[in-house]
Amino acid sequence: PGFNPLNGFPPLSASLDSAKAEYKTPPNFAERNSILVTKMESALGLDSFELFKQVSFTFRSGNMPPLEYYSTCRKIMGPSTFSELFPELLALLPDIEKQQELWTVYKSEIGKDQQIRASSSAKKKGGGGGNGVSPLEVCATCYQVVTSSDLRSHLTCHALDNHFPALDTQN
């Protein structure tokens, strides 16, 4: 109790710390979120996009298991659109605990769908490369899922937190 990963080593329990960790907003969050919404609306059409929003609300409310959410999203979007958009969707989800639930499913499923992942990754700009390599990383300190290109700025946030910790105003 009371031990913090001040030395840069990850805490021993991911489930406990991810529930306490505060989501650190990635660079250009609002712009990226807007672009993601536009791409999804364009790819899905109005009815499917509305269904996606309902399913997402149900998942975020804790009323849908992560595997069911993942599978439903993939069905709504289709494999190609899903492979293209899901990594950004996961990175922009502002709830580390929900990210971790989906990350576990994502890792398991991309192993099964390596051919689809490899072909879609080759089409991405600045993605994680081909051969089924994920364009996502997990922070060893707070367990937030971030894009590979955001990892450096995310880690900088932790360095700033360690040098300039928030003051305890509850005493």
C-alpha atoms as a PDB file:
ATOM      1  CA  PRO A   1       0.000   0.000   0.000  1.00  0.00           C
ATOM      2  CA  GLY A   2       1.281   3.413  -0.938  1.00  0.00           C
ATOM      3  CA  PHE A   3       4.100   2.240  -3.185  1.00  0.00           C
ATOM      4  CA  ASN A   4       4.278   4.087  -6.482  1.00  0.00           C
ATOM      5  CA  PRO A   5       6.371   3.185  -9.549  1.00  0.00           C
ATOM      6  CA  LEU A   6       8.599   6.257  -9.095  1.00  0.00           C
ATOM      7  CA  ASN A   7      11.667   4.463 -10.403  1.00  0.00           C
ATOM      8  CA  GLY A   8      10.018   3.748 -13.754  1.00  0.00           C
ATOM      9  CA  PHE A   9       9.362   0.065 -13.098  1.00  0.00           C
ATOM     10  CA  PRO A  10       5.810  -1.073 -13.719  1.00  0.00           C
ATOM     11  CA  PRO A  11       3.595  -1.804 -10.727  1.00  0.00           C
ATOM     12  CA  LEU A  12       3.089  -5.467  -9.856  1.00  0.00           C
ATOM     13  CA  SER A  13      -0.660  -5.587 -10.478  1.00  0.00           C
ATOM     14  CA  ALA A  14      -2.038  -4.346 -13.789  1.00  0.00           C
ATOM     15  CA  SER A  15      -5.669  -4.694 -12.776  1.00  0.00           C
ATOM     16  CA  LEU A  16      -5.340  -2.601  -9.618  1.00  0.00           C
ATOM     17  CA  ASP A  17      -3.241   0.176 -11.109  1.00  0.00           C
ATOM     18  CA  SER A  18      -5.113   0.444 -14.405  1.00  0.00           C
ATOM     19  CA  ALA A  19      -8.279   1.135 -12.416  1.00  0.00           C
ATOM     20  CA  LYS A  20      -6.511   3.996 -10.578  1.00  0.00           C
ATOM     21  CA  ALA A  21      -4.485   5.341 -13.495  1.00  0.00           C
ATOM     22  CA  GLU A  22      -5.700   8.467 -15.209  1.00  0.00           C
ATOM     23  CA  TYR A  23      -6.040   8.376 -18.993  1.00  0.00           C
ATOM     24  CA  LYS A  24      -3.503  10.701 -20.574  1.00  0.00           C
ATOM     25  CA  THR A  25      -4.960  12.375 -23.640  1.00  0.00           C
ATOM     26  CA  PRO A  26      -2.878  11.599 -26.745  1.00  0.00           C
ATOM     27  CA  PRO A  27      -1.598  14.391 -29.010  1.00  0.00           C
ATOM     28  CA  ASN A  28      -4.276  15.963 -31.223  1.00  0.00           C
ATOM     29  CA  PHE A  29      -6.981  13.936 -29.460  1.00  0.00           C
ATOM     30  CA  ALA A  30      -9.943  16.080 -30.569  1.00  0.00           C
ATOM     31  CA  GLU A  31      -8.766  16.238 -34.185  1.00  0.00           C
ATOM     32  CA  ARG A  32      -8.020  12.508 -34.320  1.00  0.00           C
ATOM     33  CA  ASN A  33     -11.362  11.664 -32.753  1.00  0.00           C
ATOM     34  CA  SER A  34     -13.146  13.861 -35.293  1.00  0.00           C
ATOM     35  CA  ILE A  35     -11.270  12.197 -38.170  1.00  0.00           C
ATOM     36  CA  LEU A  36     -12.101   8.745 -36.775  1.00  0.00           C
ATOM     37  CA  VAL A  37     -15.807   9.615 -36.507  1.00  0.00           C
ATOM     38  CA  THR A  38     -15.807  10.972 -40.074  1.00  0.00           C
ATOM     39  CA  LYS A  39     -14.108   7.822 -41.403  1.00  0.00           C
ATOM     40  CA  MET A  40     -16.550   5.604 -39.537  1.00  0.00           C
ATOM     41  CA  GLU A  41     -19.614   7.538 -40.726  1.00  0.00           C
ATOM     42  CA  SER A  42     -18.323   7.364 -44.285  1.00  0.00           C
ATOM     43  CA  ALA A  43     -17.456   3.662 -44.152  1.00  0.00           C
ATOM     44  CA  LEU A  44     -20.543   2.489 -42.269  1.00  0.00           C
ATOM     45  CA  GLY A  45     -23.400   4.698 -43.395  1.00  0.00           C
ATOM     46  CA  LEU A  46     -25.921   6.261 -41.022  1.00  0.00           C
ATOM     47  CA  ASP A  47     -27.759   3.131 -39.820  1.00  0.00           C
ATOM     48  CA  SER A  48     -24.645   1.061 -39.126  1.00  0.00           C
ATOM     49  CA  PHE A  49     -22.920   4.037 -37.495  1.00  0.00           C
ATOM     50  CA  GLU A  50     -25.900   4.511 -35.155  1.00  0.00           C
ATOM     51  CA  LEU A  51     -25.785   0.800 -34.312  1.00  0.00           C
ATOM     52  CA  PHE A  52     -22.046   1.098 -33.600  1.00  0.00           C
ATOM     53  CA  LYS A  53     -22.694   4.023 -31.229  1.00  0.00           C
ATOM     54  CA  GLN A  54     -25.368   2.043 -29.365  1.00  0.00           C
ATOM     55  CA  VAL A  55     -23.109  -1.001 -29.046  1.00  0.00           C
ATOM     56  CA  SER A  56     -20.226   1.196 -27.852  1.00  0.00           C
ATOM     57  CA  PHE A  57     -22.422   2.814 -25.210  1.00  0.00           C
ATOM     58  CA  THR A  58     -23.524  -0.615 -24.009  1.00  0.00           C
ATOM     59  CA  PHE A  59     -19.894  -1.786 -23.737  1.00  0.00           C
ATOM     60  CA  ARG A  60     -18.690   1.378 -21.981  1.00  0.00           C
ATOM     61  CA  SER A  61     -21.599   1.099 -19.531  1.00  0.00           C
ATOM     62  CA  GLY A  62     -20.372  -2.360 -18.535  1.00  0.00           C
ATOM     63  CA  ASN A  63     -23.351  -4.172 -20.051  1.00  0.00           C
ATOM     64  CA  MET A  64     -21.484  -6.029 -22.813  1.00  0.00           C
ATOM     65  CA  PRO A  65     -18.427  -8.278 -22.467  1.00  0.00           C
ATOM     66  CA  PRO A  66     -15.312  -7.186 -24.393  1.00  0.00           C
ATOM     67  CA  LEU A  67     -15.254 -10.199 -26.741  1.00  0.00           C
ATOM     68  CA  GLU A  68     -18.886  -9.601 -27.714  1.00  0.00           C
ATOM     69  CA  TYR A  69     -18.173  -5.895 -28.294  1.00  0.00           C
ATOM     70  CA  TYR A  70     -15.096  -6.679 -30.390  1.00  0.00           C
ATOM     71  CA  SER A  71     -16.964  -9.268 -32.481  1.00  0.00           C
ATOM     72  CA  THR A  72     -19.998  -7.019 -32.937  1.00  0.00           C
ATOM     73  CA  CYS A  73     -17.848  -4.074 -34.038  1.00  0.00           C
ATOM     74  CA  ARG A  74     -16.026  -6.273 -36.508  1.00  0.00           C
ATOM     75  CA  LYS A  75     -19.322  -7.541 -37.903  1.00  0.00           C
ATOM     76  CA  ILE A  76     -20.754  -4.001 -38.217  1.00  0.00           C
ATOM     77  CA  MET A  77     -17.611  -2.590 -39.862  1.00  0.00           C
ATOM     78  CA  GLY A  78     -16.478  -5.573 -41.894  1.00  0.00           C
ATOM     79  CA  PRO A  79     -12.955  -7.026 -41.547  1.00  0.00           C
ATOM     80  CA  SER A  80     -11.106  -4.482 -43.683  1.00  0.00           C
ATOM     81  CA  THR A  81     -12.612  -1.323 -42.152  1.00  0.00           C
ATOM     82  CA  PHE A  82     -12.354  -2.857 -38.694  1.00  0.00           C
ATOM     83  CA  SER A  83      -8.645  -3.656 -39.147  1.00  0.00           C
ATOM     84  CA  GLU A  84      -8.032  -0.110 -40.321  1.00  0.00           C
ATOM     85  CA  LEU A  85     -10.007   1.752 -37.635  1.00  0.00           C
ATOM     86  CA  PHE A  86     -10.000  -0.391 -34.493  1.00  0.00           C
ATOM     87  CA  PRO A  87      -6.435   0.411 -33.324  1.00  0.00           C
ATOM     88  CA  GLU A  88      -7.175   4.157 -33.333  1.00  0.00           C
ATOM     89  CA  LEU A  89     -10.558   3.528 -31.715  1.00  0.00           C
ATOM     90  CA  LEU A  90      -8.838   1.598 -28.930  1.00  0.00           C
ATOM     91  CA  ALA A  91      -6.108   4.213 -28.420  1.00  0.00           C
ATOM     92  CA  LEU A  92      -8.679   7.025 -28.198  1.00  0.00           C
ATOM     93  CA  LEU A  93     -10.930   5.180 -25.727  1.00  0.00           C
ATOM     94  CA  PRO A  94     -10.499   7.351 -22.596  1.00  0.00           C
ATOM     95  CA  ASP A  95     -10.859   4.516 -20.072  1.00  0.00           C
ATOM     96  CA  ILE A  96      -7.747   2.463 -19.297  1.00  0.00           C
ATOM     97  CA  GLU A  97      -9.698  -0.378 -17.714  1.00  0.00           C
ATOM     98  CA  LYS A  98     -11.913  -0.728 -20.816  1.00  0.00           C
ATOM     99  CA  GLN A  99      -8.821  -0.408 -23.023  1.00  0.00           C
ATOM    100  CA  GLN A 100      -7.211  -3.312 -21.178  1.00  0.00           C
ATOM    101  CA  GLU A 101     -10.317  -5.470 -21.563  1.00  0.00           C
ATOM    102  CA  LEU A 102     -10.332  -4.844 -25.321  1.00  0.00           C
ATOM    103  CA  TRP A 103      -6.538  -5.106 -25.610  1.00  0.00           C
ATOM    104  CA  THR A 104      -6.670  -8.656 -24.241  1.00  0.00           C
ATOM    105  CA  VAL A 105      -9.285  -9.624 -26.841  1.00  0.00           C
ATOM    106  CA  TYR A 106      -7.470  -7.729 -29.620  1.00  0.00           C
ATOM    107  CA  LYS A 107      -4.156  -9.524 -28.970  1.00  0.00           C
ATOM    108  CA  SER A 108      -5.902 -12.885 -28.998  1.00  0.00           C
ATOM    109  CA  GLU A 109      -7.894 -12.160 -32.139  1.00  0.00           C
ATOM    110  CA  ILE A 110      -5.074 -10.655 -34.234  1.00  0.00           C
ATOM    111  CA  GLY A 111      -3.198 -13.892 -33.756  1.00  0.00           C
ATOM    112  CA  LYS A 112      -6.146 -15.667 -35.374  1.00  0.00           C
ATOM    113  CA  ASP A 113      -6.493 -13.067 -38.138  1.00  0.00           C
ATOM    114  CA  GLN A 114      -2.847 -12.518 -39.019  1.00  0.00           C
ATOM    115  CA  GLN A 115      -3.459 -12.504 -42.776  1.00  0.00           C
ATOM    116  CA  ILE A 116      -6.119  -9.799 -42.544  1.00  0.00           C
ATOM    117  CA  ARG A 117      -3.964  -7.716 -40.165  1.00  0.00           C
ATOM    118  CA  ALA A 118      -0.915  -7.987 -42.400  1.00  0.00           C
ATOM    119  CA  SER A 119      -2.729  -6.810 -45.513  1.00  0.00           C
ATOM    120  CA  SER A 120      -4.441  -3.892 -43.761  1.00  0.00           C
ATOM    121  CA  SER A 121      -1.263  -2.781 -41.962  1.00  0.00           C
ATOM    122  CA  ALA A 122       0.529  -2.479 -45.286  1.00  0.00           C
ATOM    123  CA  LYS A 123      -2.123   0.015 -46.415  1.00  0.00           C
ATOM    124  CA  LYS A 124      -1.824   2.207 -43.304  1.00  0.00           C
ATOM    125  CA  LYS A 125       0.136   5.414 -43.223  1.00  0.00           C
ATOM    126  CA  GLY A 126       2.583   5.299 -40.336  1.00  0.00           C
ATOM    127  CA  GLY A 127       1.009   2.130 -38.969  1.00  0.00           C
ATOM    128  CA  GLY A 128       2.744  -0.678 -37.187  1.00  0.00           C
ATOM    129  CA  GLY A 129       4.131  -2.262 -40.336  1.00  0.00           C
ATOM    130  CA  GLY A 130       3.170  -5.498 -42.025  1.00  0.00           C
ATOM    131  CA  ASN A 131       3.275  -9.131 -40.967  1.00  0.00           C
ATOM    132  CA  GLY A 132       0.512  -8.738 -38.363  1.00  0.00           C
ATOM    133  CA  VAL A 133       2.494  -6.354 -36.155  1.00  0.00           C
ATOM    134  CA  SER A 134       0.177  -4.272 -34.009  1.00  0.00           C
ATOM    135  CA  PRO A 135       0.367  -0.473 -34.353  1.00  0.00           C
ATOM    136  CA  LEU A 136      -0.360  -0.301 -30.614  1.00  0.00           C
ATOM    137  CA  GLU A 137       1.739  -0.356 -27.452  1.00  0.00           C
ATOM    138  CA  VAL A 138       0.859  -0.684 -23.771  1.00  0.00           C
ATOM    139  CA  CYS A 139       2.468   1.697 -21.282  1.00  0.00           C
ATOM    140  CA  ALA A 140       4.386  -0.287 -18.653  1.00  0.00           C
ATOM    141  CA  THR A 141       3.600   2.333 -16.003  1.00  0.00           C
ATOM    142  CA  CYS A 142      -0.167   2.881 -16.300  1.00  0.00           C
ATOM    143  CA  TYR A 143      -1.204   0.221 -18.850  1.00  0.00           C
ATOM    144  CA  GLN A 144      -2.819   2.740 -21.185  1.00  0.00           C
ATOM    145  CA  VAL A 145      -3.002   1.496 -24.772  1.00  0.00           C
ATOM    146  CA  VAL A 146      -1.374   4.014 -27.126  1.00  0.00           C
ATOM    147  CA  THR A 147      -0.361   4.050 -30.769  1.00  0.00           C
ATOM    148  CA  SER A 148       3.305   3.319 -31.388  1.00  0.00           C
ATOM    149  CA  SER A 149       3.736   6.871 -32.651  1.00  0.00           C
ATOM    150  CA  ASP A 150       2.254   8.297 -29.401  1.00  0.00           C
ATOM    151  CA  LEU A 151       4.338   6.230 -26.984  1.00  0.00           C
ATOM    152  CA  ARG A 152       7.169   8.751 -26.599  1.00  0.00           C
ATOM    153  CA  SER A 153       4.866  11.681 -25.776  1.00  0.00           C
ATOM    154  CA  HIS A 154       2.870   9.452 -23.419  1.00  0.00           C
ATOM    155  CA  LEU A 155       6.006   8.442 -21.516  1.00  0.00           C
ATOM    156  CA  THR A 156       6.992  12.113 -21.289  1.00  0.00           C
ATOM    157  CA  CYS A 157       3.738  12.726 -19.389  1.00  0.00           C
ATOM    158  CA  HIS A 158       4.837  10.174 -16.784  1.00  0.00           C
ATOM    159  CA  ALA A 159       8.240  11.827 -16.462  1.00  0.00           C
ATOM    160  CA  LEU A 160       6.512  15.157 -15.808  1.00  0.00           C
ATOM    161  CA  ASP A 161       4.154  13.525 -13.290  1.00  0.00           C
ATOM    162  CA  ASN A 162       7.128  12.086 -11.401  1.00  0.00           C
ATOM    163  CA  HIS A 163       8.985  15.415 -11.326  1.00  0.00           C
ATOM    164  CA  PHE A 164       5.909  17.537 -10.607  1.00  0.00           C
ATOM    165  CA  PRO A 165       3.444  15.337  -8.689  1.00  0.00           C
ATOM    166  CA  ALA A 166      -0.051  16.609  -7.941  1.00  0.00           C
ATOM    167  CA  LEU A 167      -0.426  18.069  -4.459  1.00  0.00           C
ATOM    168  CA  ASP A 168      -2.544  16.109  -2.000  1.00  0.00           C
ATOM    169  CA  THR A 169      -5.443  18.447  -1.212  1.00  0.00           C
ATOM    170  CA  GLN A 170      -7.440  15.988   0.908  1.00  0.00           C
ATOM    171  CA  ASN A 171      -5.493  16.514   4.173  1.00  0.00           C
END
